[in-house]
PDB file of N, CA and C in Angstrom:
ATOM      1  N   UNK A   1       2.500  56.414 -79.587  1.00  0.00           N
ATOM      2  CA  UNK A   1       3.968  56.905 -79.672  1.00  0.00           C
ATOM      3  C   UNK A   1       3.550  57.395 -78.019  1.00  0.00           C
ATOM      4  N   UNK A   2       3.756  56.611 -76.732  1.00  0.00           N
ATOM      5  CA  UNK A   2       3.677  57.340 -75.187  1.00  0.00           C
ATOM      6  C   UNK A   2       4.884  58.455 -75.272  1.00  0.00           C
ATOM      7  N   UNK A   3       4.164  59.659 -74.766  1.00  0.00           N
ATOM      8  CA  UNK A   3       5.588  60.767 -73.941  1.00  0.00           C
ATOM      9  C   UNK A   3       6.925  60.366 -73.242  1.00  0.00           C
ATOM     10  N   UNK A   4       6.319  58.922 -72.079  1.00  0.00           N
ATOM     11  CA  UNK A   4       6.947  58.704 -71.535  1.00  0.00           C
ATOM     12  C   UNK A   4       8.043  57.897 -72.105  1.00  0.00           C
ATOM     13  N   UNK A   5       7.952  57.429 -73.392  1.00  0.00           N
ATOM     14  CA  UNK A   5       8.695  56.528 -73.779  1.00  0.00           C
ATOM     15  C   UNK A   5       9.994  57.615 -74.776  1.00  0.00           C
ATOM     16  N   UNK A   6       9.562  58.685 -74.706  1.00  0.00           N
ATOM     17  CA  UNK A   6      10.174  59.500 -75.447  1.00  0.00           C
ATOM     18  C   UNK A   6      11.214  60.484 -73.955  1.00  0.00           C
ATOM     19  N   UNK A   7      10.640  60.668 -73.425  1.00  0.00           N
ATOM     20  CA  UNK A   7      10.921  61.605 -71.945  1.00  0.00           C
ATOM     21  C   UNK A   7      11.738  60.667 -71.426  1.00  0.00           C
ATOM     22  N   UNK A   8      11.872  59.356 -71.150  1.00  0.00           N
ATOM     23  CA  UNK A   8      12.706  58.862 -69.976  1.00  0.00           C
ATOM     24  C   UNK A   8      13.866  58.565 -70.482  1.00  0.00           C
ATOM     25  N   UNK A   9      14.482  58.464 -71.749  1.00  0.00           N
ATOM     26  CA  UNK A   9      16.092  58.578 -72.583  1.00  0.00           C
ATOM     27  C   UNK A   9      16.340  59.651 -72.455  1.00  0.00           C
ATOM     28  N   UNK A  10      15.587  60.266 -72.948  1.00  0.00           N
ATOM     29  CA  UNK A  10      16.278  62.207 -73.110  1.00  0.00           C
ATOM     30  C   UNK A  10      16.731  62.814 -71.871  1.00  0.00           C
ATOM     31  N   UNK A  11      16.135  62.269 -70.560  1.00  0.00           N
ATOM     32  CA  UNK A  11      15.517  62.764 -69.399  1.00  0.00           C
ATOM     33  C   UNK A  11      17.222  62.348 -68.700  1.00  0.00           C
ATOM     34  N   UNK A  12      17.072  61.027 -68.925  1.00  0.00           N
ATOM     35  CA  UNK A  12      18.569  60.380 -68.649  1.00  0.00           C
ATOM     36  C   UNK A  12      19.644  60.722 -68.844  1.00  0.00           C
ATOM     37  N   UNK A  13      19.600  61.061 -70.611  1.00  0.00           N
ATOM     38  CA  UNK A  13      20.695  61.417 -71.298  1.00  0.00           C
ATOM     39  C   UNK A  13      21.045  62.776 -70.441  1.00  0.00           C
ATOM     40  N   UNK A  14      20.524  63.952 -70.282  1.00  0.00           N
ATOM     41  CA  UNK A  14      20.640  65.455 -69.505  1.00  0.00           C
ATOM     42  C   UNK A  14      21.014  64.831 -68.133  1.00  0.00           C
ATOM     43  N   UNK A  15      20.452  63.966 -67.287  1.00  0.00           N
ATOM     44  CA  UNK A  15      21.004  63.976 -65.985  1.00  0.00           C
ATOM     45  C   UNK A  15      22.178  63.385 -65.916  1.00  0.00           C
ATOM     46  N   UNK A  16      23.038  62.751 -66.980  1.00  0.00           N
ATOM     47  CA  UNK A  16      24.369  62.087 -66.933  1.00  0.00           C
ATOM     48  C   UNK A  16      25.220  63.167 -67.599  1.00  0.00           C
ATOM     49  N   UNK A  17      24.892  64.243 -67.699  1.00  0.00           N
ATOM     50  CA  UNK A  17      25.924  65.261 -68.081  1.00  0.00           C
ATOM     51  C   UNK A  17      26.648  66.254 -66.655  1.00  0.00           C
ATOM     52  N   UNK A  18      28.005  66.008 -67.276  1.00  0.00           N
ATOM     53  CA  UNK A  18      28.879  65.983 -66.223  1.00  0.00           C
ATOM     54  C   UNK A  18      28.346  67.785 -66.056  1.00  0.00           C
ATOM     55  N   UNK A  19      28.735  68.653 -66.971  1.00  0.00           N
ATOM     56  CA  UNK A  19      28.655  70.350 -66.883  1.00  0.00           C
ATOM     57  C   UNK A  19      27.101  70.635 -66.692  1.00  0.00           C
ATOM     58  N   UNK A  20      26.340  69.895 -66.201  1.00  0.00           N
ATOM     59  CA  UNK A  20      25.006  70.360 -66.379  1.00  0.00           C
ATOM     60  C   UNK A  20      25.228  70.996 -64.620  1.00  0.00           C
ATOM     61  N   UNK A  21      25.098  72.604 -64.407  1.00  0.00           N
ATOM     62  CA  UNK A  21      24.714  73.487 -63.203  1.00  0.00           C
ATOM     63  C   UNK A  21      23.889  74.555 -63.265  1.00  0.00           C
ATOM     64  N   UNK A  22      23.241  74.483 -62.467  1.00  0.00           N
ATOM     65  CA  UNK A  22      21.930  75.709 -62.262  1.00  0.00           C
ATOM     66  C   UNK A  22      22.030  76.378 -61.050  1.00  0.00           C
ATOM     67  N   UNK A  23      21.461  75.867 -59.978  1.00  0.00           N
ATOM     68  CA  UNK A  23      22.134  76.660 -58.821  1.00  0.00           C
ATOM     69  C   UNK A  23      21.072  77.597 -59.025  1.00  0.00           C
ATOM     70  N   UNK A  24      20.400  78.891 -58.606  1.00  0.00           N
ATOM     71  CA  UNK A  24      19.744  79.874 -58.920  1.00  0.00           C
ATOM     72  C   UNK A  24      18.088  79.500 -59.422  1.00  0.00           C
ATOM     73  N   UNK A  25      18.605  79.023 -60.940  1.00  0.00           N
ATOM     74  CA  UNK A  25      18.030  78.520 -61.915  1.00  0.00           C
ATOM     75  C   UNK A  25      17.118  77.565 -61.509  1.00  0.00           C
ATOM     76  N   UNK A  26      17.816  76.225 -61.254  1.00  0.00           N
ATOM     77  CA  UNK A  26      17.205  75.028 -60.993  1.00  0.00           C
ATOM     78  C   UNK A  26      16.101  75.635 -59.634  1.00  0.00           C
ATOM     79  N   UNK A  27      16.472  76.307 -58.825  1.00  0.00           N
ATOM     80  CA  UNK A  27      15.600  76.690 -57.690  1.00  0.00           C
ATOM     81  C   UNK A  27      13.841  77.167 -58.306  1.00  0.00           C
ATOM     82  N   UNK A  28      14.482  78.224 -58.840  1.00  0.00           N
ATOM     83  CA  UNK A  28      13.004  78.947 -59.662  1.00  0.00           C
ATOM     84  C   UNK A  28      12.537  78.111 -60.320  1.00  0.00           C
ATOM     85  N   UNK A  29      12.976  77.128 -60.881  1.00  0.00           N
ATOM     86  CA  UNK A  29      12.068  75.525 -62.051  1.00  0.00           C
ATOM     87  C   UNK A  29      11.360  75.492 -60.524  1.00  0.00           C
ATOM     88  N   UNK A  30      12.387  75.062 -59.331  1.00  0.00           N
ATOM     89  CA  UNK A  30      11.628  73.875 -58.770  1.00  0.00           C
ATOM     90  C   UNK A  30      10.473  75.140 -58.006  1.00  0.00           C
ATOM     91  N   UNK A  31      10.662  75.763 -57.279  1.00  0.00           N
ATOM     92  CA  UNK A  31       9.793  76.053 -57.178  1.00  0.00           C
ATOM     93  C   UNK A  31       8.287  76.534 -57.938  1.00  0.00           C
ATOM     94  N   UNK A  32       8.607  76.764 -59.196  1.00  0.00           N
ATOM     95  CA  UNK A  32       7.154  76.940 -60.267  1.00  0.00           C
ATOM     96  C   UNK A  32       6.788  75.706 -60.193  1.00  0.00           C
ATOM     97  N   UNK A  33       7.496  74.646 -60.163  1.00  0.00           N
ATOM     98  CA  UNK A  33       6.637  72.982 -60.198  1.00  0.00           C
ATOM     99  C   UNK A  33       5.507  73.356 -58.770  1.00  0.00           C
ATOM    100  N   UNK A  34       6.687  73.451 -57.967  1.00  0.00           N
ATOM    101  CA  UNK A  34       5.584  73.478 -56.718  1.00  0.00           C
ATOM    102  C   UNK A  34       4.524  74.133 -56.418  1.00  0.00           C
ATOM    103  N   UNK A  35       4.692  75.304 -57.156  1.00  0.00           N
ATOM    104  CA  UNK A  35       3.492  76.427 -56.680  1.00  0.00           C
ATOM    105  C   UNK A  35       2.191  75.713 -57.510  1.00  0.00           C
ATOM    106  N   UNK A  36       2.871  75.276 -58.999  1.00  0.00           N
ATOM    107  CA  UNK A  36       1.899  74.499 -59.779  1.00  0.00           C
ATOM    108  C   UNK A  36       1.145  73.378 -59.482  1.00  0.00           C
ATOM    109  N   UNK A  37       1.511  72.592 -58.659  1.00  0.00           N
ATOM    110  CA  UNK A  37       1.089  71.171 -58.078  1.00  0.00           C
ATOM    111  C   UNK A  37       0.219  71.889 -57.126  1.00  0.00           C
ATOM    112  N   UNK A  38       0.537  72.914 -56.214  1.00  0.00           N
ATOM    113  CA  UNK A  38      -0.592  73.697 -54.985  1.00  0.00           C
ATOM    114  C   UNK A  38      -1.510  74.095 -55.505  1.00  0.00           C
ATOM    115  N   UNK A  39      -1.774  75.161 -57.121  1.00  0.00           N
ATOM    116  CA  UNK A  39      -2.571  75.241 -57.980  1.00  0.00           C
ATOM    117  C   UNK A  39      -3.721  74.195 -57.868  1.00  0.00           C
ATOM    118  N   UNK A  40      -2.909  73.416 -58.488  1.00  0.00           N
ATOM    119  CA  UNK A  40      -3.513  72.081 -58.879  1.00  0.00           C
ATOM    120  C   UNK A  40      -4.387  71.308 -57.809  1.00  0.00           C
ATOM    121  N   UNK A  41      -3.646  71.250 -56.911  1.00  0.00           N
ATOM    122  CA  UNK A  41      -3.961  70.996 -55.612  1.00  0.00           C
ATOM    123  C   UNK A  41      -5.755  71.634 -54.819  1.00  0.00           C
ATOM    124  N   UNK A  42      -5.373  72.860 -54.858  1.00  0.00           N
ATOM    125  CA  UNK A  42      -6.858  74.077 -54.637  1.00  0.00           C
ATOM    126  C   UNK A  42      -7.738  73.235 -55.658  1.00  0.00           C
ATOM    127  N   UNK A  43      -7.046  73.549 -57.393  1.00  0.00           N
ATOM    128  CA  UNK A  43      -8.217  73.074 -58.159  1.00  0.00           C
ATOM    129  C   UNK A  43      -9.619  72.430 -57.705  1.00  0.00           C
ATOM    130  N   UNK A  44      -8.562  70.881 -57.584  1.00  0.00           N
ATOM    131  CA  UNK A  44      -9.012  69.913 -57.580  1.00  0.00           C
ATOM    132  C   UNK A  44     -10.202  69.618 -55.961  1.00  0.00           C
ATOM    133  N   UNK A  45      -9.702  70.492 -55.274  1.00  0.00           N
ATOM    134  CA  UNK A  45     -10.380  70.554 -53.694  1.00  0.00           C
ATOM    135  C   UNK A  45     -11.550  71.587 -54.435  1.00  0.00           C
ATOM    136  N   UNK A  46     -11.692  72.211 -55.249  1.00  0.00           N
ATOM    137  CA  UNK A  46     -13.011  73.283 -55.317  1.00  0.00           C
ATOM    138  C   UNK A  46     -12.705  75.008 -54.973  1.00  0.00           C
ATOM    139  N   UNK A  47     -11.289  75.271 -55.008  1.00  0.00           N
ATOM    140  CA  UNK A  47     -10.906  76.542 -54.185  1.00  0.00           C
ATOM    141  C   UNK A  47      -9.728  77.168 -55.210  1.00  0.00           C
ATOM    142  N   UNK A  48      -9.155  78.280 -54.890  1.00  0.00           N
ATOM    143  CA  UNK A  48      -8.740  79.228 -55.550  1.00  0.00           C
ATOM    144  C   UNK A  48      -7.558  79.435 -54.897  1.00  0.00           C
ATOM    145  N   UNK A  49      -6.501  78.806 -55.678  1.00  0.00           N
ATOM    146  CA  UNK A  49      -5.012  79.015 -54.837  1.00  0.00           C
ATOM    147  C   UNK A  49      -4.897  80.490 -54.234  1.00  0.00           C
ATOM    148  N   UNK A  50      -4.098  81.080 -52.757  1.00  0.00           N
ATOM    149  CA  UNK A  50      -4.285  82.315 -52.538  1.00  0.00           C
ATOM    150  C   UNK A  50      -5.217  83.009 -51.999  1.00  0.00           C
ATOM    151  N   UNK A  51      -6.735  82.471 -52.045  1.00  0.00           N
ATOM    152  CA  UNK A  51      -7.553  82.840 -51.476  1.00  0.00           C
ATOM    153  C   UNK A  51      -8.110  82.520 -50.522  1.00  0.00           C
ATOM    154  N   UNK A  52      -7.060  81.041 -49.731  1.00  0.00           N
ATOM    155  CA  UNK A  52      -8.323  80.959 -48.367  1.00  0.00           C
ATOM    156  C   UNK A  52      -7.278  81.330 -47.369  1.00  0.00           C
ATOM    157  N   UNK A  53      -7.794  82.097 -46.292  1.00  0.00           N
ATOM    158  CA  UNK A  53      -7.237  82.446 -45.118  1.00  0.00           C
ATOM    159  C   UNK A  53      -7.184  81.079 -44.068  1.00  0.00           C
ATOM    160  N   UNK A  54      -5.581  80.928 -43.525  1.00  0.00           N
ATOM    161  CA  UNK A  54      -5.531  80.063 -42.845  1.00  0.00           C
ATOM    162  C   UNK A  54      -6.324  80.261 -41.633  1.00  0.00           C
ATOM    163  N   UNK A  55      -7.299  79.257 -41.128  1.00  0.00           N
ATOM    164  CA  UNK A  55      -8.105  79.235 -39.884  1.00  0.00           C
ATOM    165  C   UNK A  55      -8.463  78.188 -39.455  1.00  0.00           C
ATOM    166  N   UNK A  56      -9.326  78.494 -38.167  1.00  0.00           N
ATOM    167  CA  UNK A  56      -9.590  76.851 -38.067  1.00  0.00           C
ATOM    168  C   UNK A  56     -10.818  76.007 -38.478  1.00  0.00           C
ATOM    169  N   UNK A  57     -11.564  77.111 -38.958  1.00  0.00           N
ATOM    170  CA  UNK A  57     -12.083  76.271 -39.819  1.00  0.00           C
ATOM    171  C   UNK A  57     -11.914  75.666 -41.137  1.00  0.00           C
ATOM    172  N   UNK A  58     -10.788  76.193 -41.782  1.00  0.00           N
ATOM    173  CA  UNK A  58     -10.049  75.824 -43.301  1.00  0.00           C
ATOM    174  C   UNK A  58     -10.056  74.425 -43.440  1.00  0.00           C
ATOM    175  N   UNK A  59     -10.799  74.111 -44.488  1.00  0.00           N
ATOM    176  CA  UNK A  59     -10.923  72.841 -44.580  1.00  0.00           C
ATOM    177  C   UNK A  59      -9.563  71.613 -44.604  1.00  0.00           C
ATOM    178  N   UNK A  60      -9.860  70.545 -44.408  1.00  0.00           N
ATOM    179  CA  UNK A  60      -8.887  69.285 -44.161  1.00  0.00           C
ATOM    180  C   UNK A  60      -7.676  69.558 -45.349  1.00  0.00           C
ATOM    181  N   UNK A  61      -8.252  69.509 -46.572  1.00  0.00           N
ATOM    182  CA  UNK A  61      -7.558  69.103 -47.937  1.00  0.00           C
ATOM    183  C   UNK A  61      -6.765  70.739 -48.264  1.00  0.00           C
ATOM    184  N   UNK A  62      -7.324  71.600 -47.770  1.00  0.00           N
ATOM    185  CA  UNK A  62      -6.532  72.831 -48.051  1.00  0.00           C
ATOM    186  C   UNK A  62      -5.188  72.961 -47.022  1.00  0.00           C
ATOM    187  N   UNK A  63      -5.119  72.110 -45.833  1.00  0.00           N
ATOM    188  CA  UNK A  63      -4.139  71.699 -45.204  1.00  0.00           C
ATOM    189  C   UNK A  63      -2.662  71.244 -45.784  1.00  0.00           C
ATOM    190  N   UNK A  64      -3.942  70.006 -46.084  1.00  0.00           N
ATOM    191  CA  UNK A  64      -3.080  68.887 -46.851  1.00  0.00           C
ATOM    192  C   UNK A  64      -1.972  70.080 -48.157  1.00  0.00           C
ATOM    193  N   UNK A  65      -3.083  70.509 -48.638  1.00  0.00           N
ATOM    194  CA  UNK A  65      -2.116  70.964 -49.706  1.00  0.00           C
ATOM    195  C   UNK A  65      -0.937  72.047 -49.154  1.00  0.00           C
ATOM    196  N   UNK A  66      -1.405  73.075 -48.698  1.00  0.00           N
ATOM    197  CA  UNK A  66      -0.272  73.638 -47.763  1.00  0.00           C
ATOM    198  C   UNK A  66       1.125  72.885 -47.187  1.00  0.00           C
ATOM    199  N   UNK A  67       0.820  71.422 -46.714  1.00  0.00           N
ATOM    200  CA  UNK A  67       1.704  70.367 -46.453  1.00  0.00           C
ATOM    201  C   UNK A  67       2.312  70.133 -47.307  1.00  0.00           C
ATOM    202  N   UNK A  68       1.653  69.791 -48.562  1.00  0.00           N
ATOM    203  CA  UNK A  68       3.014  69.638 -49.338  1.00  0.00           C
ATOM    204  C   UNK A  68       3.759  70.365 -50.410  1.00  0.00           C
ATOM    205  N   UNK A  69       3.148  71.817 -50.384  1.00  0.00           N
ATOM    206  CA  UNK A  69       3.242  73.037 -50.970  1.00  0.00           C
ATOM    207  C   UNK A  69       4.967  73.334 -50.296  1.00  0.00           C
ATOM    208  N   UNK A  70       4.568  73.014 -48.510  1.00  0.00           N
ATOM    209  CA  UNK A  70       5.801  73.537 -48.038  1.00  0.00           C
ATOM    210  C   UNK A  70       7.191  72.635 -47.327  1.00  0.00           C
ATOM    211  N   UNK A  71       6.507  71.229 -47.984  1.00  0.00           N
ATOM    212  CA  UNK A  71       7.869  70.461 -47.966  1.00  0.00           C
ATOM    213  C   UNK A  71       8.312  70.431 -49.772  1.00  0.00           C
ATOM    214  N   UNK A  72       7.014  70.732 -50.491  1.00  0.00           N
ATOM    215  CA  UNK A  72       8.183  70.808 -51.772  1.00  0.00           C
ATOM    216  C   UNK A  72       9.186  71.666 -51.966  1.00  0.00           C
ATOM    217  N   UNK A  73       8.531  72.729 -51.588  1.00  0.00           N
ATOM    218  CA  UNK A  73       9.600  73.684 -51.560  1.00  0.00           C
ATOM    219  C   UNK A  73      10.454  74.117 -50.420  1.00  0.00           C
ATOM    220  N   UNK A  74      10.564  72.832 -49.317  1.00  0.00           N
ATOM    221  CA  UNK A  74      11.623  72.736 -48.416  1.00  0.00           C
ATOM    222  C   UNK A  74      12.883  72.352 -49.467  1.00  0.00           C
ATOM    223  N   UNK A  75      12.365  71.528 -49.653  1.00  0.00           N
ATOM    224  CA  UNK A  75      12.935  70.026 -51.180  1.00  0.00           C
ATOM    225  C   UNK A  75      13.545  71.181 -52.142  1.00  0.00           C
ATOM    226  N   UNK A  76      13.100  71.953 -52.280  1.00  0.00           N
ATOM    227  CA  UNK A  76      13.781  72.864 -53.762  1.00  0.00           C
ATOM    228  C   UNK A  76      15.395  73.613 -52.946  1.00  0.00           C
ATOM    229  N   UNK A  77      14.533  73.825 -51.893  1.00  0.00           N
ATOM    230  CA  UNK A  77      15.641  74.931 -51.261  1.00  0.00           C
ATOM    231  C   UNK A  77      16.533  74.208 -50.822  1.00  0.00           C
ATOM    232  N   UNK A  78      16.953  73.147 -50.248  1.00  0.00           N
ATOM    233  CA  UNK A  78      17.873  72.016 -49.978  1.00  0.00           C
ATOM    234  C   UNK A  78      18.608  71.405 -51.184  1.00  0.00           C
ATOM    235  N   UNK A  79      17.477  70.657 -51.894  1.00  0.00           N
ATOM    236  CA  UNK A  79      18.476  70.106 -52.859  1.00  0.00           C
ATOM    237  C   UNK A  79      18.899  71.675 -54.210  1.00  0.00           C
ATOM    238  N   UNK A  80      18.170  72.406 -54.718  1.00  0.00           N
ATOM    239  CA  UNK A  80      18.764  73.095 -55.832  1.00  0.00           C
ATOM    240  C   UNK A  80      19.830  74.287 -55.486  1.00  0.00           C
ATOM    241  N   UNK A  81      19.327  75.005 -54.331  1.00  0.00           N
ATOM    242  CA  UNK A  81      19.898  75.691 -53.823  1.00  0.00           C
ATOM    243  C   UNK A  81      21.554  75.402 -53.533  1.00  0.00           C
ATOM    244  N   UNK A  82      21.932  74.228 -53.652  1.00  0.00           N
ATOM    245  CA  UNK A  82      22.750  74.124 -53.024  1.00  0.00           C
ATOM    246  C   UNK A  82      23.917  73.549 -54.466  1.00  0.00           C
ATOM    247  N   UNK A  83      23.119  73.559 -55.181  1.00  0.00           N
ATOM    248  CA  UNK A  83      23.867  73.362 -56.573  1.00  0.00           C
ATOM    249  C   UNK A  83      24.533  74.374 -57.036  1.00  0.00           C
ATOM    250  N   UNK A  84      25.782  73.960 -57.565  1.00  0.00           N
ATOM    251  CA  UNK A  84      26.800  75.408 -57.931  1.00  0.00           C
ATOM    252  C   UNK A  84      25.654  75.594 -59.107  1.00  0.00           C
ATOM    253  N   UNK A  85      26.530  77.048 -59.285  1.00  0.00           N
ATOM    254  CA  UNK A  85      25.937  78.354 -60.423  1.00  0.00           C
ATOM    255  C   UNK A  85      27.111  78.847 -61.048  1.00  0.00           C
ATOM    256  N   UNK A  86      27.022  78.316 -62.741  1.00  0.00           N
ATOM    257  CA  UNK A  86      28.121  78.571 -63.376  1.00  0.00           C
ATOM    258  C   UNK A  86      28.615  79.977 -63.420  1.00  0.00           C
TER     259      UNK A  86
END
């Protein structure tokens, strides 16, 4: 059985719950997800996240990873921080 066959119905039910409120918890989880993807992006490019200094000689793929991380983090702040906290 594929994992998506199980996760999609479960996530659909959880998304429909009216009492689900997260706020800061959702923000923290979202930022963790963004950083995990950035680490994977760096690793795929052969670098270690947090060790590359932003300079004119920085590889384009690393600049792309940084741009994606910035976009993801901004979305977390926009969506998750505006969610009500119980």
